[in-house]
C-alpha atoms as a PDB file:
ATOM      1  CA  UNK A   1     185.289  56.890 -15.885  1.00  0.00           C
ATOM      2  CA  UNK A   2     187.340  59.768 -14.496  1.00  0.00           C
ATOM      3  CA  UNK A   3     185.162  62.385 -16.180  1.00  0.00           C
ATOM      4  CA  UNK A   4     182.055  60.718 -14.763  1.00  0.00           C
ATOM      5  CA  UNK A   5     183.503  60.803 -11.248  1.00  0.00           C
ATOM      6  CA  UNK A   6     184.575  64.411 -11.683  1.00  0.00           C
ATOM      7  CA  UNK A   7     181.145  65.441 -12.937  1.00  0.00           C
ATOM      8  CA  UNK A   8     179.436  63.524 -10.131  1.00  0.00           C
ATOM      9  CA  UNK A   9     181.645  65.141  -7.477  1.00  0.00           C
ATOM     10  CA  UNK A  10     180.896  68.631  -8.843  1.00  0.00           C
ATOM     11  CA  UNK A  11     177.155  67.964  -8.788  1.00  0.00           C
ATOM     12  CA  UNK A  12     177.288  66.535  -5.258  1.00  0.00           C
ATOM     13  CA  UNK A  13     179.377  69.503  -4.097  1.00  0.00           C
ATOM     14  CA  UNK A  14     176.804  71.970  -5.419  1.00  0.00           C
ATOM     15  CA  UNK A  15     173.975  70.056  -3.765  1.00  0.00           C
ATOM     16  CA  UNK A  16     175.864  69.963  -0.455  1.00  0.00           C
ATOM     17  CA  UNK A  17     176.589  73.704  -0.374  1.00  0.00           C
ATOM     18  CA  UNK A  18     173.021  74.693  -1.184  1.00  0.00           C
ATOM     19  CA  UNK A  19     170.747  72.128   0.432  1.00  0.00           C
ATOM     20  CA  UNK A  20     172.517  70.340   3.312  1.00  0.00           C
ATOM     21  CA  UNK A  21     171.922  72.245   6.601  1.00  0.00           C
ATOM     22  CA  UNK A  22     174.847  73.759   8.474  1.00  0.00           C
ATOM     23  CA  UNK A  23     175.414  72.103  11.835  1.00  0.00           C
ATOM     24  CA  UNK A  24     175.753  74.072  15.047  1.00  0.00           C
ATOM     25  CA  UNK A  25     173.633  77.064  14.021  1.00  0.00           C
ATOM     26  CA  UNK A  26     170.236  77.208  15.694  1.00  0.00           C
ATOM     27  CA  UNK A  27     166.978  78.866  14.750  1.00  0.00           C
ATOM     28  CA  UNK A  28     165.920  81.728  17.017  1.00  0.00           C
ATOM     29  CA  UNK A  29     162.617  83.557  17.256  1.00  0.00           C
ATOM     30  CA  UNK A  30     162.547  87.201  16.208  1.00  0.00           C
ATOM     31  CA  UNK A  31     161.264  88.167  19.655  1.00  0.00           C
ATOM     32  CA  UNK A  32     164.298  86.641  21.386  1.00  0.00           C
ATOM     33  CA  UNK A  33     166.887  88.567  19.351  1.00  0.00           C
ATOM     34  CA  UNK A  34     169.244  90.779  21.332  1.00  0.00           C
ATOM     35  CA  UNK A  35     170.681  93.177  18.749  1.00  0.00           C
ATOM     36  CA  UNK A  36     173.285  94.402  21.245  1.00  0.00           C
ATOM     37  CA  UNK A  37     175.233  91.125  21.347  1.00  0.00           C
ATOM     38  CA  UNK A  38     175.496  90.581  17.574  1.00  0.00           C
ATOM     39  CA  UNK A  39     174.831  92.232  14.244  1.00  0.00           C
ATOM     40  CA  UNK A  40     171.691  91.195  12.356  1.00  0.00           C
ATOM     41  CA  UNK A  41     172.330  90.565   8.648  1.00  0.00           C
ATOM     42  CA  UNK A  42     169.290  90.261   6.388  1.00  0.00           C
ATOM     43  CA  UNK A  43     170.194  88.174   3.301  1.00  0.00           C
ATOM     44  CA  UNK A  44     166.748  88.344   1.706  1.00  0.00           C
ATOM     45  CA  UNK A  45     166.220  90.144  -1.591  1.00  0.00           C
ATOM     46  CA  UNK A  46     165.691  93.897  -1.406  1.00  0.00           C
ATOM     47  CA  UNK A  47     161.996  93.701  -2.296  1.00  0.00           C
ATOM     48  CA  UNK A  48     161.337  91.127   0.461  1.00  0.00           C
ATOM     49  CA  UNK A  49     163.238  93.061   3.109  1.00  0.00           C
ATOM     50  CA  UNK A  50     161.466  96.279   2.088  1.00  0.00           C
ATOM     51  CA  UNK A  51     158.028  94.685   2.608  1.00  0.00           C
ATOM     52  CA  UNK A  52     158.966  93.113   5.968  1.00  0.00           C
ATOM     53  CA  UNK A  53     161.816  95.196   7.436  1.00  0.00           C
ATOM     54  CA  UNK A  54     163.827  93.972  10.415  1.00  0.00           C
ATOM     55  CA  UNK A  55     164.853  96.823  12.751  1.00  0.00           C
ATOM     56  CA  UNK A  56     168.589  97.422  13.287  1.00  0.00           C
ATOM     57  CA  UNK A  57     169.593  95.014  10.513  1.00  0.00           C
ATOM     58  CA  UNK A  58     171.888  95.433   7.560  1.00  0.00           C
ATOM     59  CA  UNK A  59     170.472  94.159   4.262  1.00  0.00           C
ATOM     60  CA  UNK A  60     172.941  92.374   1.986  1.00  0.00           C
ATOM     61  CA  UNK A  61     171.132  90.001  -0.391  1.00  0.00           C
ATOM     62  CA  UNK A  62     172.746  86.613  -0.864  1.00  0.00           C
ATOM     63  CA  UNK A  63     173.627  87.486  -4.472  1.00  0.00           C
ATOM     64  CA  UNK A  64     175.809  90.393  -3.249  1.00  0.00           C
ATOM     65  CA  UNK A  65     177.247  88.950  -0.054  1.00  0.00           C
ATOM     66  CA  UNK A  66     180.633  87.943  -1.500  1.00  0.00           C
ATOM     67  CA  UNK A  67     181.190  91.494  -2.781  1.00  0.00           C
ATOM     68  CA  UNK A  68     179.768  93.441   0.154  1.00  0.00           C
ATOM     69  CA  UNK A  69     180.630  91.426   3.267  1.00  0.00           C
ATOM     70  CA  UNK A  70     182.950  94.279   4.348  1.00  0.00           C
ATOM     71  CA  UNK A  71     179.839  96.271   5.340  1.00  0.00           C
ATOM     72  CA  UNK A  72     179.391  93.888   8.286  1.00  0.00           C
ATOM     73  CA  UNK A  73     181.125  95.485  11.257  1.00  0.00           C
ATOM     74  CA  UNK A  74     180.805  92.756  13.886  1.00  0.00           C
ATOM     75  CA  UNK A  75     182.279  89.262  13.812  1.00  0.00           C
ATOM     76  CA  UNK A  76     179.264  87.845  15.670  1.00  0.00           C
ATOM     77  CA  UNK A  77     176.267  87.647  13.301  1.00  0.00           C
ATOM     78  CA  UNK A  78     172.615  86.596  13.258  1.00  0.00           C
ATOM     79  CA  UNK A  79     171.186  85.762   9.797  1.00  0.00           C
ATOM     80  CA  UNK A  80     167.679  86.665   8.583  1.00  0.00           C
ATOM     81  CA  UNK A  81     166.714  84.578   5.525  1.00  0.00           C
ATOM     82  CA  UNK A  82     163.632  83.826   3.460  1.00  0.00           C
ATOM     83  CA  UNK A  83     164.332  80.122   2.911  1.00  0.00           C
ATOM     84  CA  UNK A  84     166.763  77.298   3.668  1.00  0.00           C
ATOM     85  CA  UNK A  85     168.823  77.878   0.529  1.00  0.00           C
ATOM     86  CA  UNK A  86     169.591  81.504   1.442  1.00  0.00           C
ATOM     87  CA  UNK A  87     170.356  80.509   5.029  1.00  0.00           C
ATOM     88  CA  UNK A  88     172.759  77.712   4.090  1.00  0.00           C
ATOM     89  CA  UNK A  89     174.593  79.753   1.459  1.00  0.00           C
ATOM     90  CA  UNK A  90     174.952  82.821   3.703  1.00  0.00           C
ATOM     91  CA  UNK A  91     176.225  80.839   6.682  1.00  0.00           C
ATOM     92  CA  UNK A  92     178.816  78.989   4.611  1.00  0.00           C
ATOM     93  CA  UNK A  93     180.045  82.120   2.796  1.00  0.00           C
ATOM     94  CA  UNK A  94     180.313  84.213   5.965  1.00  0.00           C
ATOM     95  CA  UNK A  95     182.037  81.440   7.921  1.00  0.00           C
ATOM     96  CA  UNK A  96     184.680  81.259   5.180  1.00  0.00           C
ATOM     97  CA  UNK A  97     185.200  85.009   5.605  1.00  0.00           C
ATOM     98  CA  UNK A  98     185.857  84.534   9.344  1.00  0.00           C
ATOM     99  CA  UNK A  99     182.507  85.483  10.878  1.00  0.00           C
ATOM    100  CA  UNK A 100     180.828  83.616  13.742  1.00  0.00           C
ATOM    101  CA  UNK A 101     177.153  82.870  13.050  1.00  0.00           C
ATOM    102  CA  UNK A 102     175.242  82.814  16.339  1.00  0.00           C
ATOM    103  CA  UNK A 103     171.879  81.836  14.835  1.00  0.00           C
ATOM    104  CA  UNK A 104     169.343  82.442  12.120  1.00  0.00           C
ATOM    105  CA  UNK A 105     165.698  83.351  11.651  1.00  0.00           C
ATOM    106  CA  UNK A 106     163.631  82.439   8.632  1.00  0.00           C
ATOM    107  CA  UNK A 107     160.758  84.819   8.058  1.00  0.00           C
ATOM    108  CA  UNK A 108     158.334  82.263   6.586  1.00  0.00           C
ATOM    109  CA  UNK A 109     159.121  79.344   8.873  1.00  0.00           C
ATOM    110  CA  UNK A 110     157.608  77.700  11.905  1.00  0.00           C
ATOM    111  CA  UNK A 111     160.890  77.648  13.866  1.00  0.00           C
ATOM    112  CA  UNK A 112     159.484  80.524  15.914  1.00  0.00           C
ATOM    113  CA  UNK A 113     156.573  78.283  16.942  1.00  0.00           C
ATOM    114  CA  UNK A 114     158.861  75.284  17.514  1.00  0.00           C
ATOM    115  CA  UNK A 115     161.014  77.280  19.943  1.00  0.00           C
ATOM    116  CA  UNK A 116     157.922  78.453  21.849  1.00  0.00           C
ATOM    117  CA  UNK A 117     156.535  74.891  22.000  1.00  0.00           C
ATOM    118  CA  UNK A 118     159.842  73.583  23.405  1.00  0.00           C
ATOM    119  CA  UNK A 119     159.824  76.244  26.139  1.00  0.00           C
ATOM    120  CA  UNK A 120     156.274  75.425  27.245  1.00  0.00           C
ATOM    121  CA  UNK A 121     156.731  71.632  27.158  1.00  0.00           C
END
């Protein structure tokens, strides 16, 4: 019984960290980014960020972020991610390290269109 509960809690914890969205962090369009007010951190893999570079960003893939978070100079950060999993993991890891996440942008997402639709409506 106890081992079942322990195993279940570990599985639920892993699901929570990876797949449950982080509250209070909003999606922003690439065109609305002001690189002067925060540092842009690209957590996509190197090959993805090489094909679609983001100007004035620092690239630290999610697999290396625990080891290389010291490269981030500002406490106020904007995340660039390829998918929801990368976004959620990066936000949670960097918040634990004391950074403030101002927003995120997913390269292959329609949040850019959603923000534009909200402004025109």
